[in-house]
Amino acid sequence: MLLLEREPDISIEMDEPTVVATWENRAQIIDIMNSALHMSHEFQLLWNSSGETGRLSQDDTDRLVELLQEISDLNEMLMRLA
């Protein structure tokens, strides 16, 4: 069973960096967004494959964990563009 725990949202207390889009980093931002779109689609496929049981196979669960890590990596890349 996969249990995900959400950390408390403390973003209000911290100043978050602003992502600045420029002509120099435009291609990087587009690549990051394309990757995010692909991951979102793959996540949707995993969700749909859970079927009526609402459960994922071990392989699908492993892929879901990989996707979550990839999403985290994309977020870090995007924040470095600030």
PDB file of N, CA and C in Angstrom:
ATOM      1  N   MET A   1       0.838  -1.162   0.000  1.00  0.00           N
ATOM      2  CA  MET A   1       0.000   0.000   0.000  1.00  0.00           C
ATOM      3  C   MET A   1       0.895   1.240   0.000  1.00  0.00           C
ATOM      4  N   LEU A   2       0.542   2.198  -0.792  1.00  0.00           N
ATOM      5  CA  LEU A   2       1.285   3.454  -0.890  1.00  0.00           C
ATOM      6  C   LEU A   2       0.579   4.513  -0.070  1.00  0.00           C
ATOM      7  N   LEU A   3       1.283   5.049   0.901  1.00  0.00           N
ATOM      8  CA  LEU A   3       0.731   6.128   1.709  1.00  0.00           C
ATOM      9  C   LEU A   3       1.551   7.381   1.452  1.00  0.00           C
ATOM     10  N   LEU A   4       0.879   8.439   1.121  1.00  0.00           N
ATOM     11  CA  LEU A   4       1.541   9.711   0.914  1.00  0.00           C
ATOM     12  C   LEU A   4       1.133  10.653   2.034  1.00  0.00           C
ATOM     13  N   GLU A   5       2.111  11.292   2.633  1.00  0.00           N
ATOM     14  CA  GLU A   5       1.827  12.229   3.707  1.00  0.00           C
ATOM     15  C   GLU A   5       2.140  13.625   3.225  1.00  0.00           C
ATOM     16  N   ARG A   6       1.248  14.517   3.439  1.00  0.00           N
ATOM     17  CA  ARG A   6       1.433  15.896   2.989  1.00  0.00           C
ATOM     18  C   ARG A   6       2.071  16.707   4.102  1.00  0.00           C
ATOM     19  N   GLU A   7       3.120  17.419   3.734  1.00  0.00           N
ATOM     20  CA  GLU A   7       3.774  18.307   4.677  1.00  0.00           C
ATOM     21  C   GLU A   7       2.908  19.542   4.874  1.00  0.00           C
ATOM     22  N   PRO A   8       2.940  20.135   6.052  1.00  0.00           N
ATOM     23  CA  PRO A   8       2.163  21.365   6.255  1.00  0.00           C
ATOM     24  C   PRO A   8       2.618  22.458   5.296  1.00  0.00           C
ATOM     25  N   ASP A   9       1.682  23.238   4.827  1.00  0.00           N
ATOM     26  CA  ASP A   9       1.990  24.311   3.892  1.00  0.00           C
ATOM     27  C   ASP A   9       2.521  25.509   4.658  1.00  0.00           C
ATOM     28  N   ILE A  10       3.823  25.786   4.495  1.00  0.00           N
ATOM     29  CA  ILE A  10       4.438  26.920   5.174  1.00  0.00           C
ATOM     30  C   ILE A  10       4.873  27.981   4.176  1.00  0.00           C
ATOM     31  N   SER A  11       4.370  27.872   2.948  1.00  0.00           N
ATOM     32  CA  SER A  11       4.792  28.791   1.897  1.00  0.00           C
ATOM     33  C   SER A  11       4.399  30.234   2.195  1.00  0.00           C
ATOM     34  N   ILE A  12       3.378  30.432   2.988  1.00  0.00           N
ATOM     35  CA  ILE A  12       2.946  31.786   3.318  1.00  0.00           C
ATOM     36  C   ILE A  12       4.023  32.504   4.126  1.00  0.00           C
ATOM     37  N   GLU A  13       4.744  31.752   4.931  1.00  0.00           N
ATOM     38  CA  GLU A  13       5.741  32.330   5.808  1.00  0.00           C
ATOM     39  C   GLU A  13       7.064  32.618   5.100  1.00  0.00           C
ATOM     40  N   MET A  14       7.272  32.040   3.927  1.00  0.00           N
ATOM     41  CA  MET A  14       8.545  32.169   3.239  1.00  0.00           C
ATOM     42  C   MET A  14       8.357  32.907   1.923  1.00  0.00           C
ATOM     43  N   ASP A  15       9.340  33.688   1.554  1.00  0.00           N
ATOM     44  CA  ASP A  15       9.328  34.321   0.245  1.00  0.00           C
ATOM     45  C   ASP A  15       9.782  33.299  -0.778  1.00  0.00           C
ATOM     46  N   GLU A  16       8.929  33.022  -1.749  1.00  0.00           N
ATOM     47  CA  GLU A  16       9.283  32.069  -2.781  1.00  0.00           C
ATOM     48  C   GLU A  16       9.897  32.810  -3.956  1.00  0.00           C
ATOM     49  N   PRO A  17      10.893  32.190  -4.603  1.00  0.00           N
ATOM     50  CA  PRO A  17      11.504  32.853  -5.754  1.00  0.00           C
ATOM     51  C   PRO A  17      10.505  32.978  -6.901  1.00  0.00           C
ATOM     52  N   THR A  18      10.624  34.033  -7.636  1.00  0.00           N
ATOM     53  CA  THR A  18       9.768  34.263  -8.786  1.00  0.00           C
ATOM     54  C   THR A  18      10.486  33.749 -10.026  1.00  0.00           C
ATOM     55  N   VAL A  19       9.796  32.968 -10.830  1.00  0.00           N
ATOM     56  CA  VAL A  19      10.373  32.484 -12.073  1.00  0.00           C
ATOM     57  C   VAL A  19      10.286  33.599 -13.092  1.00  0.00           C
ATOM     58  N   VAL A  20      11.418  33.925 -13.673  1.00  0.00           N
ATOM     59  CA  VAL A  20      11.481  34.997 -14.653  1.00  0.00           C
ATOM     60  C   VAL A  20      11.702  34.376 -16.025  1.00  0.00           C
ATOM     61  N   ALA A  21      10.764  34.612 -16.934  1.00  0.00           N
ATOM     62  CA  ALA A  21      10.896  34.092 -18.295  1.00  0.00           C
ATOM     63  C   ALA A  21      11.586  35.148 -19.152  1.00  0.00           C
ATOM     64  N   THR A  22      12.653  34.744 -19.773  1.00  0.00           N
ATOM     65  CA  THR A  22      13.377  35.634 -20.675  1.00  0.00           C
ATOM     66  C   THR A  22      13.563  34.907 -21.997  1.00  0.00           C
ATOM     67  N   TRP A  23      14.034  35.636 -23.006  1.00  0.00           N
ATOM     68  CA  TRP A  23      14.302  34.982 -24.284  1.00  0.00           C
ATOM     69  C   TRP A  23      15.404  33.944 -24.132  1.00  0.00           C
ATOM     70  N   GLU A  24      16.323  34.164 -23.180  1.00  0.00           N
ATOM     71  CA  GLU A  24      17.436  33.238 -22.997  1.00  0.00           C
ATOM     72  C   GLU A  24      16.986  31.904 -22.400  1.00  0.00           C
ATOM     73  N   ASN A  25      15.997  31.923 -21.490  1.00  0.00           N
ATOM     74  CA  ASN A  25      15.592  30.663 -20.856  1.00  0.00           C
ATOM     75  C   ASN A  25      14.238  30.149 -21.351  1.00  0.00           C
ATOM     76  N   ARG A  26      13.691  30.786 -22.366  1.00  0.00           N
ATOM     77  CA  ARG A  26      12.391  30.394 -22.910  1.00  0.00           C
ATOM     78  C   ARG A  26      12.366  28.926 -23.343  1.00  0.00           C
ATOM     79  N   ALA A  27      13.403  28.472 -24.025  1.00  0.00           N
ATOM     80  CA  ALA A  27      13.450  27.087 -24.503  1.00  0.00           C
ATOM     81  C   ALA A  27      13.480  26.112 -23.326  1.00  0.00           C
ATOM     82  N   GLN A  28      14.215  26.466 -22.269  1.00  0.00           N
ATOM     83  CA  GLN A  28      14.269  25.604 -21.085  1.00  0.00           C
ATOM     84  C   GLN A  28      12.899  25.501 -20.426  1.00  0.00           C
ATOM     85  N   ILE A  29      12.216  26.633 -20.311  1.00  0.00           N
ATOM     86  CA  ILE A  29      10.895  26.622 -19.690  1.00  0.00           C
ATOM     87  C   ILE A  29       9.918  25.801 -20.522  1.00  0.00           C
ATOM     88  N   ILE A  30       9.977  25.938 -21.832  1.00  0.00           N
ATOM     89  CA  ILE A  30       9.100  25.148 -22.711  1.00  0.00           C
ATOM     90  C   ILE A  30       9.394  23.659 -22.566  1.00  0.00           C
ATOM     91  N   ASP A  31      10.671  23.285 -22.483  1.00  0.00           N
ATOM     92  CA  ASP A  31      11.041  21.874 -22.278  1.00  0.00           C
ATOM     93  C   ASP A  31      10.497  21.346 -20.953  1.00  0.00           C
ATOM     94  N   ILE A  32      10.618  22.154 -19.899  1.00  0.00           N
ATOM     95  CA  ILE A  32      10.116  21.744 -18.589  1.00  0.00           C
ATOM     96  C   ILE A  32       8.599  21.565 -18.639  1.00  0.00           C
ATOM     97  N   MET A  33       7.907  22.488 -19.279  1.00  0.00           N
ATOM     98  CA  MET A  33       6.451  22.394 -19.361  1.00  0.00           C
ATOM     99  C   MET A  33       6.013  21.203 -20.229  1.00  0.00           C
ATOM    100  N   ASN A  34       6.743  20.929 -21.301  1.00  0.00           N
ATOM    101  CA  ASN A  34       6.432  19.753 -22.126  1.00  0.00           C
ATOM    102  C   ASN A  34       6.630  18.465 -21.330  1.00  0.00           C
ATOM    103  N   SER A  35       7.693  18.414 -20.537  1.00  0.00           N
ATOM    104  CA  SER A  35       7.926  17.239 -19.689  1.00  0.00           C
ATOM    105  C   SER A  35       6.805  17.091 -18.669  1.00  0.00           C
ATOM    106  N   ALA A  36       6.389  18.209 -18.078  1.00  0.00           N
ATOM    107  CA  ALA A  36       5.299  18.176 -17.099  1.00  0.00           C
ATOM    108  C   ALA A  36       4.007  17.684 -17.748  1.00  0.00           C
ATOM    109  N   LEU A  37       3.744  18.124 -18.967  1.00  0.00           N
ATOM    110  CA  LEU A  37       2.551  17.682 -19.684  1.00  0.00           C
ATOM    111  C   LEU A  37       2.598  16.176 -19.933  1.00  0.00           C
ATOM    112  N   HIS A  38       3.751  15.681 -20.359  1.00  0.00           N
ATOM    113  CA  HIS A  38       3.916  14.241 -20.596  1.00  0.00           C
ATOM    114  C   HIS A  38       3.705  13.455 -19.299  1.00  0.00           C
ATOM    115  N   MET A  39       4.277  13.940 -18.204  1.00  0.00           N
ATOM    116  CA  MET A  39       4.124  13.258 -16.919  1.00  0.00           C
ATOM    117  C   MET A  39       2.678  13.276 -16.452  1.00  0.00           C
ATOM    118  N   SER A  40       2.001  14.391 -16.680  1.00  0.00           N
ATOM    119  CA  SER A  40       0.597  14.493 -16.305  1.00  0.00           C
ATOM    120  C   SER A  40      -0.234  13.458 -17.061  1.00  0.00           C
ATOM    121  N   HIS A  41       0.057  13.300 -18.342  1.00  0.00           N
ATOM    122  CA  HIS A  41      -0.652  12.309 -19.147  1.00  0.00           C
ATOM    123  C   HIS A  41      -0.366  10.897 -18.631  1.00  0.00           C
ATOM    124  N   GLU A  42       0.887  10.625 -18.314  1.00  0.00           N
ATOM    125  CA  GLU A  42       1.251   9.301 -17.805  1.00  0.00           C
ATOM    126  C   GLU A  42       0.586   9.045 -16.449  1.00  0.00           C
ATOM    127  N   PHE A  43       0.526  10.085 -15.615  1.00  0.00           N
ATOM    128  CA  PHE A  43      -0.155   9.960 -14.326  1.00  0.00           C
ATOM    129  C   PHE A  43      -1.632   9.624 -14.541  1.00  0.00           C
ATOM    130  N   GLN A  44      -2.263  10.279 -15.517  1.00  0.00           N
ATOM    131  CA  GLN A  44      -3.669  10.009 -15.830  1.00  0.00           C
ATOM    132  C   GLN A  44      -3.859   8.563 -16.279  1.00  0.00           C
ATOM    133  N   LEU A  45      -2.932   8.061 -17.090  1.00  0.00           N
ATOM    134  CA  LEU A  45      -3.014   6.664 -17.524  1.00  0.00           C
ATOM    135  C   LEU A  45      -2.904   5.715 -16.336  1.00  0.00           C
ATOM    136  N   LEU A  46      -1.996   6.012 -15.406  1.00  0.00           N
ATOM    137  CA  LEU A  46      -1.867   5.180 -14.208  1.00  0.00           C
ATOM    138  C   LEU A  46      -3.155   5.211 -13.395  1.00  0.00           C
ATOM    139  N   TRP A  47      -3.715   6.405 -13.252  1.00  0.00           N
ATOM    140  CA  TRP A  47      -4.959   6.556 -12.499  1.00  0.00           C
ATOM    141  C   TRP A  47      -6.068   5.727 -13.143  1.00  0.00           C
ATOM    142  N   ASN A  48      -6.175   5.812 -14.464  1.00  0.00           N
ATOM    143  CA  ASN A  48      -7.210   5.064 -15.178  1.00  0.00           C
ATOM    144  C   ASN A  48      -6.985   3.558 -15.087  1.00  0.00           C
ATOM    145  N   SER A  49      -5.731   3.136 -15.011  1.00  0.00           N
ATOM    146  CA  SER A  49      -5.446   1.695 -14.962  1.00  0.00           C
ATOM    147  C   SER A  49      -5.811   1.079 -13.616  1.00  0.00           C
ATOM    148  N   SER A  50      -6.042   1.924 -12.607  1.00  0.00           N
ATOM    149  CA  SER A  50      -6.433   1.383 -11.304  1.00  0.00           C
ATOM    150  C   SER A  50      -7.834   0.777 -11.364  1.00  0.00           C
ATOM    151  N   GLY A  51      -8.584   1.166 -12.380  1.00  0.00           N
ATOM    152  CA  GLY A  51      -9.892   0.558 -12.621  1.00  0.00           C
ATOM    153  C   GLY A  51     -10.860   0.712 -11.478  1.00  0.00           C
ATOM    154  N   GLU A  52     -11.765  -0.224 -11.386  1.00  0.00           N
ATOM    155  CA  GLU A  52     -12.821  -0.161 -10.375  1.00  0.00           C
ATOM    156  C   GLU A  52     -12.295  -0.429  -8.976  1.00  0.00           C
ATOM    157  N   THR A  53     -11.168  -1.112  -8.872  1.00  0.00           N
ATOM    158  CA  THR A  53     -10.647  -1.459  -7.548  1.00  0.00           C
ATOM    159  C   THR A  53      -9.980  -0.271  -6.865  1.00  0.00           C
ATOM    160  N   GLY A  54      -9.530   0.691  -7.648  1.00  0.00           N
ATOM    161  CA  GLY A  54      -8.830   1.824  -7.068  1.00  0.00           C
ATOM    162  C   GLY A  54      -7.431   1.478  -6.608  1.00  0.00           C
ATOM    163  N   ARG A  55      -6.911   0.353  -7.087  1.00  0.00           N
ATOM    164  CA  ARG A  55      -5.580  -0.105  -6.689  1.00  0.00           C
ATOM    165  C   ARG A  55      -4.675  -0.200  -7.903  1.00  0.00           C
ATOM    166  N   LEU A  56      -3.401   0.050  -7.661  1.00  0.00           N
ATOM    167  CA  LEU A  56      -2.404  -0.057  -8.720  1.00  0.00           C
ATOM    168  C   LEU A  56      -1.581  -1.317  -8.520  1.00  0.00           C
ATOM    169  N   SER A  57      -1.086  -1.853  -9.623  1.00  0.00           N
ATOM    170  CA  SER A  57      -0.155  -2.977  -9.531  1.00  0.00           C
ATOM    171  C   SER A  57       1.152  -2.466  -8.921  1.00  0.00           C
ATOM    172  N   GLN A  58       2.017  -3.374  -8.522  1.00  0.00           N
ATOM    173  CA  GLN A  58       3.294  -2.957  -7.953  1.00  0.00           C
ATOM    174  C   GLN A  58       4.116  -2.190  -8.980  1.00  0.00           C
ATOM    175  N   ASP A  59       4.098  -2.639 -10.239  1.00  0.00           N
ATOM    176  CA  ASP A  59       4.835  -1.926 -11.286  1.00  0.00           C
ATOM    177  C   ASP A  59       4.297  -0.510 -11.470  1.00  0.00           C
ATOM    178  N   ASP A  60       2.971  -0.369 -11.469  1.00  0.00           N
ATOM    179  CA  ASP A  60       2.372   0.957 -11.615  1.00  0.00           C
ATOM    180  C   ASP A  60       2.668   1.836 -10.402  1.00  0.00           C
ATOM    181  N   THR A  61       2.680   1.235  -9.229  1.00  0.00           N
ATOM    182  CA  THR A  61       3.019   1.985  -8.013  1.00  0.00           C
ATOM    183  C   THR A  61       4.462   2.467  -8.073  1.00  0.00           C
ATOM    184  N   ASP A  62       5.355   1.601  -8.523  1.00  0.00           N
ATOM    185  CA  ASP A  62       6.760   1.984  -8.675  1.00  0.00           C
ATOM    186  C   ASP A  62       6.899   3.135  -9.662  1.00  0.00           C
ATOM    187  N   ARG A  63       6.154   3.064 -10.763  1.00  0.00           N
ATOM    188  CA  ARG A  63       6.211   4.136 -11.767  1.00  0.00           C
ATOM    189  C   ARG A  63       5.641   5.435 -11.202  1.00  0.00           C
ATOM    190  N   LEU A  64       4.597   5.342 -10.394  1.00  0.00           N
ATOM    191  CA  LEU A  64       4.019   6.530  -9.770  1.00  0.00           C
ATOM    192  C   LEU A  64       5.052   7.220  -8.877  1.00  0.00           C
ATOM    193  N   VAL A  65       5.792   6.448  -8.117  1.00  0.00           N
ATOM    194  CA  VAL A  65       6.836   7.016  -7.257  1.00  0.00           C
ATOM    195  C   VAL A  65       7.906   7.682  -8.123  1.00  0.00           C
ATOM    196  N   GLU A  66       8.283   7.049  -9.229  1.00  0.00           N
ATOM    197  CA  GLU A  66       9.257   7.647 -10.153  1.00  0.00           C
ATOM    198  C   GLU A  66       8.730   8.966 -10.722  1.00  0.00           C
ATOM    199  N   LEU A  67       7.459   8.987 -11.097  1.00  0.00           N
ATOM    200  CA  LEU A  67       6.856  10.207 -11.638  1.00  0.00           C
ATOM    201  C   LEU A  67       6.870  11.337 -10.610  1.00  0.00           C
ATOM    202  N   LEU A  68       6.567  11.011  -9.377  1.00  0.00           N
ATOM    203  CA  LEU A  68       6.581  12.037  -8.333  1.00  0.00           C
ATOM    204  C   LEU A  68       7.983  12.608  -8.158  1.00  0.00           C
ATOM    205  N   GLN A  69       9.007  11.759  -8.258  1.00  0.00           N
ATOM    206  CA  GLN A  69      10.387  12.245  -8.160  1.00  0.00           C
ATOM    207  C   GLN A  69      10.738  13.115  -9.366  1.00  0.00           C
ATOM    208  N   GLU A  70      10.293  12.699 -10.553  1.00  0.00           N
ATOM    209  CA  GLU A  70      10.550  13.482 -11.759  1.00  0.00           C
ATOM    210  C   GLU A  70       9.876  14.854 -11.677  1.00  0.00           C
ATOM    211  N   ILE A  71       8.667  14.891 -11.131  1.00  0.00           N
ATOM    212  CA  ILE A  71       7.961  16.163 -10.966  1.00  0.00           C
ATOM    213  C   ILE A  71       8.740  17.055 -10.002  1.00  0.00           C
ATOM    214  N   SER A  72       9.243  16.478  -8.941  1.00  0.00           N
ATOM    215  CA  SER A  72      10.057  17.240  -7.985  1.00  0.00           C
ATOM    216  C   SER A  72      11.312  17.787  -8.665  1.00  0.00           C
ATOM    217  N   ASP A  73      11.943  16.964  -9.499  1.00  0.00           N
ATOM    218  CA  ASP A  73      13.140  17.396 -10.226  1.00  0.00           C
ATOM    219  C   ASP A  73      12.821  18.551 -11.174  1.00  0.00           C
ATOM    220  N   LEU A  74      11.676  18.467 -11.858  1.00  0.00           N
ATOM    221  CA  LEU A  74      11.272  19.554 -12.760  1.00  0.00           C
ATOM    222  C   LEU A  74      11.050  20.843 -11.987  1.00  0.00           C
ATOM    223  N   ASN A  75      10.440  20.722 -10.827  1.00  0.00           N
ATOM    224  CA  ASN A  75      10.203  21.903 -10.006  1.00  0.00           C
ATOM    225  C   ASN A  75      11.530  22.547  -9.605  1.00  0.00           C
ATOM    226  N   GLU A  76      12.504  21.744  -9.224  1.00  0.00           N
ATOM    227  CA  GLU A  76      13.814  22.282  -8.863  1.00  0.00           C
ATOM    228  C   GLU A  76      14.471  22.978 -10.054  1.00  0.00           C
ATOM    229  N   MET A  77      14.367  22.365 -11.245  1.00  0.00           N
ATOM    230  CA  MET A  77      14.944  22.988 -12.438  1.00  0.00           C
ATOM    231  C   MET A  77      14.276  24.330 -12.713  1.00  0.00           C
ATOM    232  N   LEU A  78      12.971  24.370 -12.562  1.00  0.00           N
ATOM    233  CA  LEU A  78      12.243  25.618 -12.814  1.00  0.00           C
ATOM    234  C   LEU A  78      12.634  26.688 -11.811  1.00  0.00           C
ATOM    235  N   MET A  79      12.805  26.322 -10.565  1.00  0.00           N
ATOM    236  CA  MET A  79      13.182  27.297  -9.547  1.00  0.00           C
ATOM    237  C   MET A  79      14.617  27.821  -9.776  1.00  0.00           C
ATOM    238  N   ARG A  80      15.482  27.023 -10.382  1.00  0.00           N
ATOM    239  CA  ARG A  80      16.843  27.485 -10.663  1.00  0.00           C
ATOM    240  C   ARG A  80      16.876  28.541 -11.762  1.00  0.00           C
ATOM    241  N   LEU A  81      15.799  28.612 -12.550  1.00  0.00           N
ATOM    242  CA  LEU A  81      15.730  29.620 -13.615  1.00  0.00           C
ATOM    243  C   LEU A  81      15.383  30.997 -13.073  1.00  0.00           C
ATOM    244  N   ALA A  82      15.014  31.066 -11.814  1.00  0.00           N
ATOM    245  CA  ALA A  82      14.601  32.354 -11.219  1.00  0.00           C
ATOM    246  C   ALA A  82      15.753  33.344 -11.197  1.00  0.00           C
TER     247      ALA A  82
END
